[in-house]
């Protein structure tokens, strides 16, 4: 059973920091593109950041300069360091593992971790 497992969410004040972790058990972690997505109440799920197997990164504009995605293949873990958090960052954050082999997509999602930014 492939199931990314997120941790590290919580309640933080505006301007604060959190680090999310995602353990990618059950898959050959190092070959997957790993990503963080988020979904706020009443809104669609949106991409936050991705990191490829060769460590190329991509961020949504609103988090550039504040969030950093990284991976540790030896620990099968991807991280999202979130600094200077804003109330609009409040959402459930989901970890995703993605790989394409030929015409087949392999796409796995975690169950999410809640991040709440509030004073």
N, C-alpha and C. Protein backbone atom coordinates (compact mmCIF):
# COMPACT_ATOMS: atom_id res chain seq x y z
N UNK A 1 0.85 -1.18 0.00
CA UNK A 1 0.00 0.00 0.00
C UNK A 1 0.89 1.24 0.00
N UNK A 2 0.75 2.05 -1.06
CA UNK A 2 1.51 3.29 -1.13
C UNK A 2 0.67 4.39 -0.51
N UNK A 3 1.20 5.02 0.50
CA UNK A 3 0.44 6.06 1.20
C UNK A 3 1.40 7.09 1.78
N UNK A 4 1.53 8.22 1.10
CA UNK A 4 2.29 9.30 1.73
C UNK A 4 1.61 9.72 3.03
N UNK A 5 2.41 10.03 4.03
CA UNK A 5 1.87 10.39 5.34
C UNK A 5 2.44 11.74 5.76
N UNK A 6 1.56 12.73 5.91
CA UNK A 6 1.99 14.07 6.28
C UNK A 6 2.01 14.24 7.81
N UNK A 7 2.85 15.17 8.25
CA UNK A 7 2.88 15.55 9.66
C UNK A 7 3.41 16.97 9.75
N UNK A 8 3.20 17.59 10.92
CA UNK A 8 3.80 18.90 11.17
C UNK A 8 2.84 20.06 11.11
N UNK A 9 1.59 19.82 10.80
CA UNK A 9 0.63 20.91 10.77
C UNK A 9 0.31 21.41 12.16
N UNK A 10 -0.46 22.51 12.22
CA UNK A 10 -0.84 23.04 13.51
C UNK A 10 -1.32 24.47 13.40
N UNK A 11 -1.43 25.10 14.56
CA UNK A 11 -1.86 26.49 14.67
C UNK A 11 -0.64 27.37 14.89
N UNK A 12 -0.54 28.43 14.11
CA UNK A 12 0.60 29.33 14.23
C UNK A 12 0.11 30.76 14.02
N UNK A 13 0.77 31.70 14.66
CA UNK A 13 0.40 33.10 14.50
C UNK A 13 0.94 33.65 13.17
N UNK A 14 0.30 34.68 12.65
CA UNK A 14 0.84 35.33 11.44
C UNK A 14 2.29 35.74 11.64
N UNK A 15 3.10 35.48 10.61
CA UNK A 15 4.52 35.75 10.70
C UNK A 15 5.34 34.59 11.22
N UNK A 16 4.68 33.57 11.71
CA UNK A 16 5.36 32.41 12.26
C UNK A 16 5.79 31.41 11.20
N UNK A 17 6.35 30.29 11.68
CA UNK A 17 6.87 29.26 10.79
C UNK A 17 6.37 27.89 11.18
N UNK A 18 6.29 27.02 10.20
CA UNK A 18 6.01 25.60 10.41
C UNK A 18 6.81 24.81 9.39
N UNK A 19 7.13 23.57 9.73
CA UNK A 19 7.75 22.67 8.77
C UNK A 19 6.89 21.42 8.65
N UNK A 20 6.42 21.18 7.47
CA UNK A 20 5.66 19.97 7.18
C UNK A 20 6.60 18.88 6.67
N UNK A 21 6.27 17.66 7.03
CA UNK A 21 7.02 16.50 6.55
C UNK A 21 6.07 15.52 5.90
N UNK A 22 6.59 14.78 4.94
CA UNK A 22 5.80 13.75 4.28
C UNK A 22 6.69 12.54 4.07
N UNK A 23 6.31 11.44 4.69
CA UNK A 23 7.04 10.19 4.54
C UNK A 23 6.41 9.37 3.42
N UNK A 24 7.22 9.00 2.46
CA UNK A 24 6.71 8.29 1.29
C UNK A 24 6.99 6.81 1.35
N UNK A 25 6.34 6.11 2.25
CA UNK A 25 6.58 4.67 2.38
C UNK A 25 5.90 3.89 1.27
N UNK A 26 6.48 2.74 0.94
CA UNK A 26 5.85 1.86 -0.04
C UNK A 26 6.13 2.19 -1.48
N UNK A 27 7.04 3.13 -1.74
CA UNK A 27 7.37 3.44 -3.12
C UNK A 27 8.86 3.70 -3.24
N UNK A 28 9.34 3.64 -4.48
CA UNK A 28 10.75 3.96 -4.75
C UNK A 28 10.83 5.49 -4.75
N UNK A 29 10.96 6.03 -3.57
CA UNK A 29 10.77 7.46 -3.33
C UNK A 29 11.60 8.32 -4.27
N UNK A 30 12.84 7.95 -4.49
CA UNK A 30 13.77 8.84 -5.16
C UNK A 30 13.40 9.13 -6.62
N UNK A 31 12.56 8.29 -7.23
CA UNK A 31 12.23 8.50 -8.65
C UNK A 31 10.95 9.30 -8.83
N UNK A 32 10.28 9.63 -7.74
CA UNK A 32 9.02 10.34 -7.84
C UNK A 32 9.21 11.85 -7.73
N UNK A 33 8.40 12.58 -8.48
CA UNK A 33 8.22 14.00 -8.22
C UNK A 33 7.30 14.12 -7.01
N UNK A 34 7.75 14.86 -6.02
CA UNK A 34 6.98 15.05 -4.80
C UNK A 34 6.42 16.47 -4.79
N UNK A 35 5.21 16.58 -4.28
CA UNK A 35 4.58 17.89 -4.27
C UNK A 35 3.75 18.14 -3.03
N UNK A 36 3.57 19.40 -2.74
CA UNK A 36 2.66 19.84 -1.69
C UNK A 36 1.54 20.64 -2.35
N UNK A 37 0.32 20.31 -1.99
CA UNK A 37 -0.88 21.00 -2.45
C UNK A 37 -1.65 21.44 -1.21
N UNK A 38 -2.58 22.36 -1.40
CA UNK A 38 -3.40 22.78 -0.27
C UNK A 38 -4.83 23.07 -0.74
N UNK A 39 -5.73 22.94 0.22
CA UNK A 39 -7.13 23.22 -0.08
C UNK A 39 -7.75 23.95 1.10
N UNK A 40 -8.18 25.16 0.84
CA UNK A 40 -8.87 25.95 1.86
C UNK A 40 -10.37 25.69 1.76
N UNK A 41 -11.11 25.93 2.83
CA UNK A 41 -12.56 25.70 2.80
C UNK A 41 -13.23 26.46 1.66
N UNK A 42 -14.04 25.74 0.89
CA UNK A 42 -14.77 26.35 -0.20
C UNK A 42 -13.96 26.64 -1.45
N UNK A 43 -12.70 26.20 -1.45
CA UNK A 43 -11.84 26.47 -2.61
C UNK A 43 -11.32 25.17 -3.18
N UNK A 44 -10.82 25.26 -4.42
CA UNK A 44 -10.24 24.08 -5.06
C UNK A 44 -8.83 23.82 -4.52
N UNK A 45 -8.42 22.58 -4.65
CA UNK A 45 -7.05 22.23 -4.27
C UNK A 45 -6.09 22.92 -5.23
N UNK A 46 -5.00 23.46 -4.69
CA UNK A 46 -4.04 24.17 -5.51
C UNK A 46 -2.61 23.72 -5.22
N UNK A 47 -1.80 23.83 -6.27
CA UNK A 47 -0.39 23.48 -6.13
C UNK A 47 0.32 24.51 -5.26
N UNK A 48 1.16 24.02 -4.33
CA UNK A 48 2.00 24.90 -3.53
C UNK A 48 3.45 24.84 -4.02
N UNK A 49 3.98 23.63 -4.11
CA UNK A 49 5.37 23.48 -4.53
C UNK A 49 5.61 22.04 -4.96
N UNK A 50 6.55 21.87 -5.89
CA UNK A 50 6.95 20.52 -6.29
C UNK A 50 8.47 20.44 -6.33
N UNK A 51 8.97 19.21 -6.21
CA UNK A 51 10.40 18.95 -6.36
C UNK A 51 10.55 17.65 -7.13
N UNK A 52 11.34 17.70 -8.20
CA UNK A 52 11.50 16.53 -9.04
C UNK A 52 12.58 15.60 -8.48
N UNK A 53 12.76 14.49 -9.16
CA UNK A 53 13.76 13.51 -8.73
C UNK A 53 15.18 14.07 -8.82
N UNK A 54 15.38 15.07 -9.69
CA UNK A 54 16.70 15.70 -9.78
C UNK A 54 16.73 17.04 -9.07
N UNK A 55 15.78 17.24 -8.14
CA UNK A 55 15.76 18.40 -7.23
C UNK A 55 15.43 19.73 -7.89
N UNK A 56 14.78 19.70 -9.04
CA UNK A 56 14.25 20.94 -9.60
C UNK A 56 12.97 21.30 -8.85
N UNK A 57 12.84 22.56 -8.51
CA UNK A 57 11.69 22.99 -7.71
C UNK A 57 10.81 23.98 -8.46
N UNK A 58 9.57 24.02 -8.02
CA UNK A 58 8.59 24.93 -8.61
C UNK A 58 7.65 25.37 -7.49
N UNK A 59 7.29 26.68 -7.48
CA UNK A 59 6.44 27.22 -6.43
C UNK A 59 5.32 28.06 -7.03
N UNK A 60 4.18 28.08 -6.34
CA UNK A 60 3.17 29.04 -6.74
C UNK A 60 3.66 30.43 -6.33
N UNK A 61 3.25 31.44 -7.08
CA UNK A 61 3.80 32.78 -6.88
C UNK A 61 3.60 33.30 -5.47
N UNK A 62 2.46 33.01 -4.87
CA UNK A 62 2.14 33.59 -3.56
C UNK A 62 3.01 33.07 -2.43
N UNK A 63 3.76 31.99 -2.65
CA UNK A 63 4.61 31.44 -1.58
C UNK A 63 6.10 31.60 -1.88
N UNK A 64 6.42 32.08 -3.07
CA UNK A 64 7.84 32.24 -3.42
C UNK A 64 8.53 33.18 -2.44
N UNK A 65 9.71 32.76 -1.99
CA UNK A 65 10.46 33.56 -1.02
C UNK A 65 10.07 33.30 0.42
N UNK A 66 8.96 32.58 0.64
CA UNK A 66 8.52 32.27 2.00
C UNK A 66 8.58 30.77 2.29
N UNK A 67 8.27 29.96 1.30
CA UNK A 67 8.23 28.50 1.47
C UNK A 67 9.42 27.87 0.74
N UNK A 68 9.91 26.76 1.30
CA UNK A 68 10.99 26.00 0.66
C UNK A 68 10.67 24.52 0.71
N UNK A 69 10.67 23.89 -0.45
CA UNK A 69 10.48 22.44 -0.52
C UNK A 69 11.84 21.77 -0.65
N UNK A 70 11.99 20.64 0.03
CA UNK A 70 13.24 19.89 -0.05
C UNK A 70 12.93 18.41 0.14
N UNK A 71 13.91 17.58 -0.19
CA UNK A 71 13.69 16.15 -0.03
C UNK A 71 14.96 15.49 0.50
N UNK A 72 14.75 14.40 1.23
CA UNK A 72 15.85 13.58 1.74
C UNK A 72 15.54 12.16 1.29
N UNK A 73 16.16 11.75 0.21
CA UNK A 73 15.85 10.42 -0.35
C UNK A 73 16.26 9.29 0.59
N UNK A 74 17.29 9.51 1.38
CA UNK A 74 17.72 8.47 2.32
C UNK A 74 16.65 8.21 3.38
N UNK A 75 15.85 9.23 3.66
CA UNK A 75 14.79 9.08 4.66
C UNK A 75 13.41 8.95 4.02
N UNK A 76 13.36 8.90 2.67
CA UNK A 76 12.06 8.83 1.98
C UNK A 76 11.11 9.92 2.43
N UNK A 77 11.63 11.12 2.59
CA UNK A 77 10.84 12.20 3.16
C UNK A 77 11.00 13.48 2.34
N UNK A 78 9.90 14.20 2.20
CA UNK A 78 9.91 15.52 1.59
C UNK A 78 9.41 16.51 2.63
N UNK A 79 9.97 17.71 2.60
CA UNK A 79 9.66 18.73 3.59
C UNK A 79 9.11 19.98 2.91
N UNK A 80 8.33 20.72 3.68
CA UNK A 80 7.92 22.05 3.25
C UNK A 80 8.15 23.00 4.42
N UNK A 81 9.18 23.81 4.31
CA UNK A 81 9.46 24.83 5.33
C UNK A 81 8.66 26.06 4.97
N UNK A 82 7.81 26.49 5.88
CA UNK A 82 6.93 27.63 5.64
C UNK A 82 7.26 28.74 6.63
N UNK A 83 7.71 29.85 6.11
CA UNK A 83 8.05 31.01 6.93
C UNK A 83 7.14 32.18 6.59
N UNK A 84 7.13 33.16 7.47
CA UNK A 84 6.31 34.37 7.25
C UNK A 84 4.88 34.00 6.87
N UNK A 85 4.31 33.12 7.64
CA UNK A 85 2.97 32.62 7.31
C UNK A 85 1.92 33.71 7.43
N UNK A 86 0.93 33.60 6.56
CA UNK A 86 -0.16 34.57 6.50
C UNK A 86 -1.49 33.85 6.72
N UNK A 87 -2.50 34.57 7.17
CA UNK A 87 -3.82 33.91 7.34
C UNK A 87 -4.31 33.22 6.07
N UNK A 88 -3.97 33.76 4.92
CA UNK A 88 -4.42 33.14 3.66
C UNK A 88 -3.68 31.84 3.34
N UNK A 89 -2.69 31.48 4.13
CA UNK A 89 -2.04 30.18 3.97
C UNK A 89 -2.82 29.08 4.69
N UNK A 90 -3.84 29.45 5.44
CA UNK A 90 -4.64 28.47 6.16
C UNK A 90 -5.32 27.51 5.19
N UNK A 91 -5.09 26.22 5.40
CA UNK A 91 -5.64 25.20 4.50
C UNK A 91 -5.24 23.82 5.03
N UNK A 92 -5.83 22.80 4.43
CA UNK A 92 -5.32 21.45 4.60
C UNK A 92 -4.24 21.24 3.54
N UNK A 93 -3.08 20.81 3.98
CA UNK A 93 -1.94 20.61 3.09
C UNK A 93 -1.78 19.12 2.81
N UNK A 94 -1.69 18.80 1.51
CA UNK A 94 -1.61 17.42 1.07
C UNK A 94 -0.26 17.16 0.39
N UNK A 95 0.26 15.98 0.65
CA UNK A 95 1.48 15.52 -0.01
C UNK A 95 1.11 14.65 -1.20
N UNK A 96 1.85 14.80 -2.27
CA UNK A 96 1.58 14.03 -3.49
C UNK A 96 2.89 13.43 -4.01
N UNK A 97 2.78 12.20 -4.48
CA UNK A 97 3.90 11.53 -5.15
C UNK A 97 3.45 11.19 -6.56
N UNK A 98 4.22 11.59 -7.55
CA UNK A 98 3.81 11.40 -8.94
C UNK A 98 4.97 10.89 -9.78
N UNK A 99 4.61 9.96 -10.68
CA UNK A 99 5.59 9.44 -11.62
C UNK A 99 4.87 8.99 -12.87
N UNK A 100 5.46 9.25 -14.02
CA UNK A 100 4.90 8.75 -15.28
C UNK A 100 5.87 7.74 -15.87
N UNK A 101 5.33 6.57 -16.23
CA UNK A 101 6.12 5.55 -16.92
C UNK A 101 5.38 5.25 -18.22
N UNK A 102 5.93 5.70 -19.34
CA UNK A 102 5.24 5.56 -20.61
C UNK A 102 3.95 6.35 -20.60
N UNK A 103 2.82 5.67 -20.83
CA UNK A 103 1.52 6.32 -20.82
C UNK A 103 0.81 6.20 -19.47
N UNK A 104 1.47 5.57 -18.52
CA UNK A 104 0.84 5.30 -17.22
C UNK A 104 1.27 6.33 -16.19
N UNK A 105 0.28 6.89 -15.48
CA UNK A 105 0.54 7.82 -14.39
C UNK A 105 0.40 7.09 -13.05
N UNK A 106 1.36 7.32 -12.18
CA UNK A 106 1.31 6.79 -10.82
C UNK A 106 1.22 8.00 -9.90
N UNK A 107 0.10 8.11 -9.21
CA UNK A 107 -0.26 9.34 -8.50
C UNK A 107 -0.81 8.96 -7.14
N UNK A 108 -0.12 9.35 -6.07
CA UNK A 108 -0.52 8.97 -4.72
C UNK A 108 -0.65 10.21 -3.85
N UNK A 109 -1.70 10.19 -3.00
CA UNK A 109 -1.99 11.34 -2.14
C UNK A 109 -2.02 10.93 -0.68
N UNK A 110 -1.52 11.83 0.16
CA UNK A 110 -1.69 11.66 1.59
C UNK A 110 -3.07 12.13 2.02
N UNK A 111 -3.35 11.99 3.30
CA UNK A 111 -4.67 12.36 3.82
C UNK A 111 -4.74 13.82 4.27
N UNK A 112 -3.61 14.49 4.32
CA UNK A 112 -3.60 15.91 4.63
C UNK A 112 -3.29 16.23 6.07
N UNK A 113 -2.77 17.44 6.27
CA UNK A 113 -2.51 17.96 7.61
C UNK A 113 -2.98 19.42 7.64
N UNK A 114 -3.65 19.78 8.71
CA UNK A 114 -4.25 21.11 8.80
C UNK A 114 -3.21 22.13 9.23
N UNK A 115 -3.17 23.24 8.51
CA UNK A 115 -2.36 24.40 8.89
C UNK A 115 -3.31 25.57 9.09
N UNK A 116 -3.27 26.15 10.27
CA UNK A 116 -4.11 27.30 10.58
C UNK A 116 -3.24 28.46 11.03
N UNK A 117 -3.37 29.58 10.33
CA UNK A 117 -2.59 30.78 10.65
C UNK A 117 -3.56 31.82 11.19
N UNK A 118 -3.46 32.08 12.47
CA UNK A 118 -4.42 32.98 13.11
C UNK A 118 -3.83 33.53 14.39
N UNK A 119 -4.22 34.76 14.72
CA UNK A 119 -3.81 35.35 15.98
C UNK A 119 -4.87 35.11 17.05
